[in-house]
């Protein structure tokens, strides 16, 4: 059976290198987003990282103004578009407010998580933006497109934070059988060779998060960054204990919190809470328990985001040359 024709919306055609930096809960901030976009990759952050809510307006003003100034000064290498992540979960009591602020700045790309809603997608389209929705299986992928999402982010096994148990090969193959739109693959990607492999599988972009935690711009504790550079896939545990949704976490942070990462109990998914009031479980969990993907064995030092992007580009070209020599 032939696959549908591949299409990319104009916004994503402006991305110079096929990487989307994933929105890192608590950690992503305007400095990181701006550095990623200047390097030619999509920078992103969760709207909920701006606390109090009024800070979101300030942050979006900073991002849009800084990137516009960059484009004026460097027309030969314009910045990539940026993205804002919206948690479309019933407990997120800021969604309506944050969407209104994003409308004000005409945010180019919206990444939606933990729920696909047609009204959210329609709102983004009304200001000329596009929606990418992250999914953990083919069933949810179909639902997201049916509700009007423009593209998909298959979150495969080994991804940092909330992740699935599906093989990236299986997820991309199954989705590409029926969907020709934008596809950004997530899961243990932390080298240029892995980025090229994602494209070879059928993705349009690699979706990379954990590697960017170990950058100068990331708003992560120094101990968090250091632990990433000293860890590998054996130091990651997959659990739903902290938020009710299965995800990958650094075992060392769990031990530091006085728990045994190999003996974590199961949690109730209904207890997940992204509300901004006191007692919100998600923010409290990720402050002390550090989400991280399995690909961190390739991350050995804390560097500026621009340097990490440059390394990805160099490794990508080297991997492509190696494969060309085999042809």
Protein backbone atom coordinates (compact mmCIF):
# COMPACT_ATOMS: atom_id res chain seq x y z
CA UNK A 1 0.00 0.00 0.00
CA UNK A 2 1.41 3.38 -1.00
CA UNK A 3 1.79 6.08 1.64
CA UNK A 4 0.03 9.45 1.29
CA UNK A 5 2.05 12.32 -0.20
CA UNK A 6 4.23 14.23 2.26
CA UNK A 7 3.42 17.88 3.00
CA UNK A 8 4.89 20.52 5.28
CA UNK A 9 3.11 23.79 6.12
CA UNK A 10 5.04 26.98 5.23
CA UNK A 11 5.83 27.70 8.91
CA UNK A 12 7.84 24.49 9.20
CA UNK A 13 9.58 25.03 5.87
CA UNK A 14 11.43 27.89 7.60
CA UNK A 15 13.27 25.47 9.91
CA UNK A 16 16.89 25.27 8.71
CA UNK A 17 17.83 22.07 10.58
CA UNK A 18 15.27 19.29 11.20
CA UNK A 19 15.04 19.53 15.00
CA UNK A 20 12.31 20.70 17.36
CA UNK A 21 13.45 21.36 20.90
CA UNK A 22 10.80 19.85 23.12
CA UNK A 23 9.11 21.99 25.79
CA UNK A 24 10.73 21.17 29.12
CA UNK A 25 8.39 21.56 32.09
CA UNK A 26 9.88 24.09 34.57
CA UNK A 27 13.20 24.18 32.65
CA UNK A 28 12.48 25.87 29.29
CA UNK A 29 12.59 29.67 29.30
CA UNK A 30 12.95 32.53 26.80
CA UNK A 31 16.77 32.38 26.80
CA UNK A 32 16.75 28.72 25.77
CA UNK A 33 13.97 29.20 23.21
CA UNK A 34 15.77 32.16 21.63
CA UNK A 35 19.09 30.31 21.48
CA UNK A 36 17.46 27.30 19.83
CA UNK A 37 15.63 29.41 17.24
CA UNK A 38 18.75 31.41 16.40
CA UNK A 39 20.54 28.10 15.79
CA UNK A 40 17.93 27.23 13.16
CA UNK A 41 15.86 24.75 15.16
CA UNK A 42 12.40 25.20 16.69
CA UNK A 43 12.65 26.35 20.29
CA UNK A 44 9.71 25.73 22.59
CA UNK A 45 8.50 26.07 26.16
CA UNK A 46 5.35 25.22 28.12
CA UNK A 47 3.03 28.15 28.72
CA UNK A 48 2.79 26.98 32.34
CA UNK A 49 6.50 27.69 32.88
CA UNK A 50 5.60 31.37 33.11
CA UNK A 51 4.52 31.89 36.70
CA UNK A 52 2.59 34.01 37.59
CA UNK A 53 0.38 33.87 34.51
CA UNK A 54 1.11 37.54 33.71
CA UNK A 55 4.72 36.60 33.00
CA UNK A 56 3.69 34.77 29.83
CA UNK A 57 2.95 38.08 28.09
CA UNK A 58 6.40 39.38 29.07
CA UNK A 59 8.12 36.22 27.88
CA UNK A 60 6.34 36.15 24.52
CA UNK A 61 7.19 39.82 23.99
CA UNK A 62 10.85 39.06 24.71
CA UNK A 63 10.94 36.08 22.34
CA UNK A 64 9.14 37.75 19.43
CA UNK A 65 11.09 41.02 19.70
CA UNK A 66 14.48 39.32 20.06
CA UNK A 67 13.92 36.97 17.13
CA UNK A 68 12.63 39.82 14.94
CA UNK A 69 15.77 41.82 15.73
CA UNK A 70 17.92 38.79 14.87
CA UNK A 71 16.18 38.39 11.51
CA UNK A 72 16.75 42.05 10.66
CA UNK A 73 20.44 41.76 11.52
CA UNK A 74 20.94 38.36 9.88
CA UNK A 75 18.65 38.05 6.84
CA UNK A 76 20.92 35.32 5.48
CA UNK A 77 20.23 33.04 8.48
CA UNK A 78 16.79 33.84 9.91
CA UNK A 79 15.67 32.31 13.17
CA UNK A 80 13.43 29.27 13.15
CA UNK A 81 9.84 29.74 14.39
CA UNK A 82 9.14 29.10 18.08
CA UNK A 83 6.50 26.97 19.75
CA UNK A 84 4.45 27.16 22.92
CA UNK A 85 3.22 24.00 24.64
CA UNK A 86 -0.33 23.94 26.02
CA UNK A 87 -1.31 21.24 28.52
CA UNK A 88 -4.84 20.42 27.34
CA UNK A 89 -5.82 18.66 30.53
CA UNK A 90 -8.94 19.33 32.57
CA UNK A 91 -6.83 20.33 35.59
CA UNK A 92 -5.03 23.15 33.72
CA UNK A 93 -6.97 26.18 34.96
CA UNK A 94 -4.84 28.57 32.90
CA UNK A 95 -5.51 27.22 29.43
CA UNK A 96 -8.02 29.88 28.37
CA UNK A 97 -5.85 32.74 29.65
CA UNK A 98 -2.69 31.38 28.08
CA UNK A 99 -4.39 30.83 24.72
CA UNK A 100 -5.53 34.45 24.70
CA UNK A 101 -1.97 35.65 25.30
CA UNK A 102 -0.69 33.37 22.51
CA UNK A 103 -3.32 34.82 20.18
CA UNK A 104 -2.02 38.33 20.96
CA UNK A 105 1.46 37.35 19.76
CA UNK A 106 0.26 35.02 16.98
CA UNK A 107 2.44 32.17 18.24
CA UNK A 108 3.55 30.26 15.11
CA UNK A 109 3.48 26.72 16.51
CA UNK A 110 1.39 25.31 19.35
CA UNK A 111 2.30 21.93 20.80
CA UNK A 112 -0.61 20.30 22.61
CA UNK A 113 -0.29 17.57 25.23
CA UNK A 114 -2.54 15.37 27.37
CA UNK A 115 -5.69 15.94 25.39
CA UNK A 116 -6.74 16.89 21.85
CA UNK A 117 -9.45 19.55 21.57
CA UNK A 118 -10.99 20.86 18.37
CA UNK A 119 -11.66 24.30 19.87
CA UNK A 120 -8.00 24.75 20.80
CA UNK A 121 -6.91 23.77 17.29
CA UNK A 122 -9.44 26.13 15.72
CA UNK A 123 -8.23 28.99 17.90
CA UNK A 124 -4.61 28.46 16.80
CA UNK A 125 -5.66 28.31 13.14
CA UNK A 126 -7.61 31.57 13.55
CA UNK A 127 -4.37 33.50 14.12
CA UNK A 128 -2.45 31.64 11.41
CA UNK A 129 -0.61 29.16 13.61
CA UNK A 130 -0.29 25.38 13.37
CA UNK A 131 -0.80 22.65 15.96
CA UNK A 132 1.45 19.68 16.64
CA UNK A 133 0.02 17.11 19.06
CA UNK A 134 2.11 14.60 20.98
CA UNK A 135 0.83 11.02 21.04
CA UNK A 136 1.87 7.68 22.51
CA UNK A 137 0.17 5.40 19.98
CA UNK A 138 -1.56 5.26 16.60
CA UNK A 139 -5.07 5.41 18.12
CA UNK A 140 -4.38 8.78 19.73
CA UNK A 141 -2.69 9.93 16.51
CA UNK A 142 -5.92 9.35 14.57
CA UNK A 143 -7.96 11.19 17.22
CA UNK A 144 -5.63 14.20 17.14
CA UNK A 145 -5.86 14.60 13.37
CA UNK A 146 -9.63 14.07 13.43
CA UNK A 147 -9.88 17.00 15.86
CA UNK A 148 -7.86 19.28 13.59
CA UNK A 149 -4.21 18.98 14.59
CA UNK A 150 -1.82 19.75 11.72
CA UNK A 151 0.99 17.45 12.75
CA UNK A 152 1.99 14.71 15.18
CA UNK A 153 4.75 14.07 17.68
CA UNK A 154 5.03 10.31 18.28
CA UNK A 155 6.61 9.97 21.72
CA UNK A 156 8.38 6.62 21.57
CA UNK A 157 10.01 4.47 24.23
CA UNK A 158 12.92 6.11 26.00
CA UNK A 159 11.68 9.70 25.74
CA UNK A 160 12.14 11.98 28.71
CA UNK A 161 9.16 12.93 30.85
CA UNK A 162 5.87 11.35 29.79
CA UNK A 163 6.58 8.61 27.26
CA UNK A 164 5.17 5.47 25.70
CA UNK A 165 6.56 1.95 25.48
CA UNK A 166 6.27 1.80 21.69
CA UNK A 167 9.20 1.31 19.35
CA UNK A 168 9.92 4.39 17.22
CA UNK A 169 10.08 2.16 14.15
CA UNK A 170 6.56 0.85 14.79
CA UNK A 171 5.08 4.26 15.59
CA UNK A 172 6.45 6.05 12.54
CA UNK A 173 5.55 3.18 10.20
CA UNK A 174 1.97 2.94 11.45
CA UNK A 175 1.36 6.69 11.32
CA UNK A 176 2.99 7.16 7.91
CA UNK A 177 0.68 4.50 6.46
CA UNK A 178 -2.15 7.05 6.60
CA UNK A 179 -0.67 10.46 7.46
CA UNK A 180 1.56 12.57 5.22
CA UNK A 181 1.70 15.73 7.34
CA UNK A 182 4.38 16.96 9.75
CA UNK A 183 5.88 14.28 11.98
CA UNK A 184 8.43 14.93 14.74
CA UNK A 185 9.82 11.79 16.39
CA UNK A 186 10.65 11.80 20.09
CA UNK A 187 12.60 9.26 22.09
CA UNK A 188 16.29 8.99 23.08
CA UNK A 189 17.55 11.29 20.31
CA UNK A 190 20.73 13.06 21.39
CA UNK A 191 23.13 12.87 18.46
CA UNK A 192 23.28 13.93 14.84
CA UNK A 193 23.23 10.31 13.76
CA UNK A 194 20.00 9.72 15.65
CA UNK A 195 18.47 12.80 13.98
CA UNK A 196 19.35 11.37 10.56
CA UNK A 197 17.92 7.99 11.60
CA UNK A 198 14.61 9.67 12.53
CA UNK A 199 14.42 11.19 9.06
CA UNK A 200 15.33 7.88 7.42
CA UNK A 201 12.44 6.23 9.28
CA UNK A 202 9.99 8.72 7.85
CA UNK A 203 9.90 11.60 10.33
CA UNK A 204 10.32 15.21 9.21
CA UNK A 205 11.96 16.31 12.45
CA UNK A 206 13.68 14.94 15.52
CA UNK A 207 12.06 16.10 18.76
CA UNK A 208 14.80 16.56 21.37
CA UNK A 209 14.45 17.49 25.02
CA UNK A 210 16.78 15.87 27.55
CA UNK A 211 19.97 16.92 25.76
CA UNK A 212 18.96 20.57 26.12
CA UNK A 213 18.60 20.28 29.90
CA UNK A 214 22.41 20.16 30.03
CA UNK A 215 22.81 23.60 28.44
CA UNK A 216 23.80 26.92 29.94
CA UNK A 217 20.43 28.49 29.15
CA UNK A 218 18.27 25.76 30.68
CA UNK A 219 16.57 26.67 33.97
CA UNK A 220 17.61 23.46 35.70
CA UNK A 221 19.52 22.98 38.93
CA UNK A 222 23.26 22.51 38.52
CA UNK A 223 22.94 19.10 40.14
CA UNK A 224 20.33 18.11 37.53
CA UNK A 225 22.63 19.11 34.66
CA UNK A 226 25.60 17.36 36.26
CA UNK A 227 23.62 14.15 36.82
CA UNK A 228 22.66 14.06 33.13
CA UNK A 229 26.30 14.33 32.03
CA UNK A 230 27.26 11.49 34.39
CA UNK A 231 24.37 9.13 33.58
CA UNK A 232 23.28 6.72 30.84
CA UNK A 233 20.21 4.67 29.96
CA UNK A 234 20.77 2.32 32.92
CA UNK A 235 20.17 5.29 35.21
CA UNK A 236 16.62 5.90 33.93
CA UNK A 237 13.44 4.44 35.46
CA UNK A 238 9.97 4.32 33.85
CA UNK A 239 7.20 5.00 36.36
CA UNK A 240 3.75 6.60 36.77
CA UNK A 241 4.18 7.17 40.50
CA UNK A 242 4.83 10.91 40.39
CA UNK A 243 2.18 12.28 38.04
CA UNK A 244 -0.16 9.38 37.30
CA UNK A 245 1.18 9.11 33.74
CA UNK A 246 4.14 6.88 32.89
CA UNK A 247 7.37 8.71 32.24
CA UNK A 248 11.15 8.39 32.44
CA UNK A 249 13.12 9.82 35.35
CA UNK A 250 16.69 9.92 36.65
CA UNK A 251 17.12 7.26 39.32
CA UNK A 252 19.63 9.45 41.13
CA UNK A 253 17.04 12.16 41.78
CA UNK A 254 14.66 9.58 43.21
CA UNK A 255 17.35 8.29 45.57
CA UNK A 256 18.10 11.87 46.60
CA UNK A 257 14.43 12.22 47.54
CA UNK A 258 14.76 9.21 49.85
CA UNK A 259 13.03 6.60 47.68
CA UNK A 260 14.11 3.40 45.97
CA UNK A 261 13.75 3.84 42.17
CA UNK A 262 13.48 0.09 41.72
CA UNK A 263 10.53 -0.24 44.13
CA UNK A 264 8.16 2.57 43.16
CA UNK A 265 4.45 1.80 43.57
CA UNK A 266 1.85 2.34 40.85
CA UNK A 267 -0.12 5.59 40.90
CA UNK A 268 -3.68 6.59 40.03
CA UNK A 269 -3.81 8.50 36.70
CA UNK A 270 -6.85 10.47 37.93
CA UNK A 271 -4.64 12.16 40.53
CA UNK A 272 -2.67 14.12 37.90
CA UNK A 273 -3.04 17.86 38.53
CA UNK A 274 -1.69 20.74 36.44
CA UNK A 275 -3.64 23.41 38.29
CA UNK A 276 -1.65 26.49 39.27
CA UNK A 277 -2.97 26.50 42.83
CA UNK A 278 -1.22 25.02 45.86
CA UNK A 279 -1.08 21.24 45.79
CA UNK A 280 -0.62 20.87 42.04
CA UNK A 281 1.13 17.55 41.74
CA UNK A 282 2.90 17.93 38.40
CA UNK A 283 5.02 20.99 39.21
CA UNK A 284 5.92 19.64 42.65
CA UNK A 285 6.91 16.29 41.18
CA UNK A 286 9.22 17.64 38.50
CA UNK A 287 10.95 20.12 40.79
CA UNK A 288 12.67 17.38 42.79
CA UNK A 289 12.19 14.27 40.63
CA UNK A 290 14.06 14.90 37.40
CA UNK A 291 12.58 13.74 34.12
CA UNK A 292 15.06 12.51 31.55
CA UNK A 293 15.20 10.26 28.49
CA UNK A 294 17.38 7.25 27.80
CA UNK A 295 19.57 8.98 25.19
CA UNK A 296 21.71 10.88 27.67
CA UNK A 297 24.75 8.61 27.28
CA UNK A 298 25.75 10.95 24.44
CA UNK A 299 25.64 14.04 26.70
CA UNK A 300 28.91 14.47 28.57
CA UNK A 301 29.20 18.20 29.26
CA UNK A 302 27.10 21.29 29.90
CA UNK A 303 27.39 23.63 26.91
CA UNK A 304 25.57 26.60 25.37
CA UNK A 305 22.53 25.55 23.34
CA UNK A 306 24.14 26.92 20.18
CA UNK A 307 27.14 24.62 20.67
CA UNK A 308 24.89 21.60 21.17
CA UNK A 309 22.99 22.45 17.97
CA UNK A 310 26.29 22.86 16.12
CA UNK A 311 27.42 19.43 17.33
CA UNK A 312 24.16 17.91 16.11
CA UNK A 313 24.67 19.46 12.67
CA UNK A 314 28.26 18.23 12.44
CA UNK A 315 27.34 14.69 13.50
CA UNK A 316 24.34 14.71 11.14
CA UNK A 317 26.56 15.54 8.16
CA UNK A 318 29.17 12.97 9.21
CA UNK A 319 26.49 10.27 9.48
CA UNK A 320 25.08 11.19 6.09
CA UNK A 321 28.57 10.94 4.54
CA UNK A 322 29.10 7.50 6.11
CA UNK A 323 25.84 6.26 4.64
CA UNK A 324 26.60 7.78 1.24
CA UNK A 325 29.85 5.82 1.18
CA UNK A 326 27.85 2.59 1.58
CA UNK A 327 25.63 3.27 -1.42
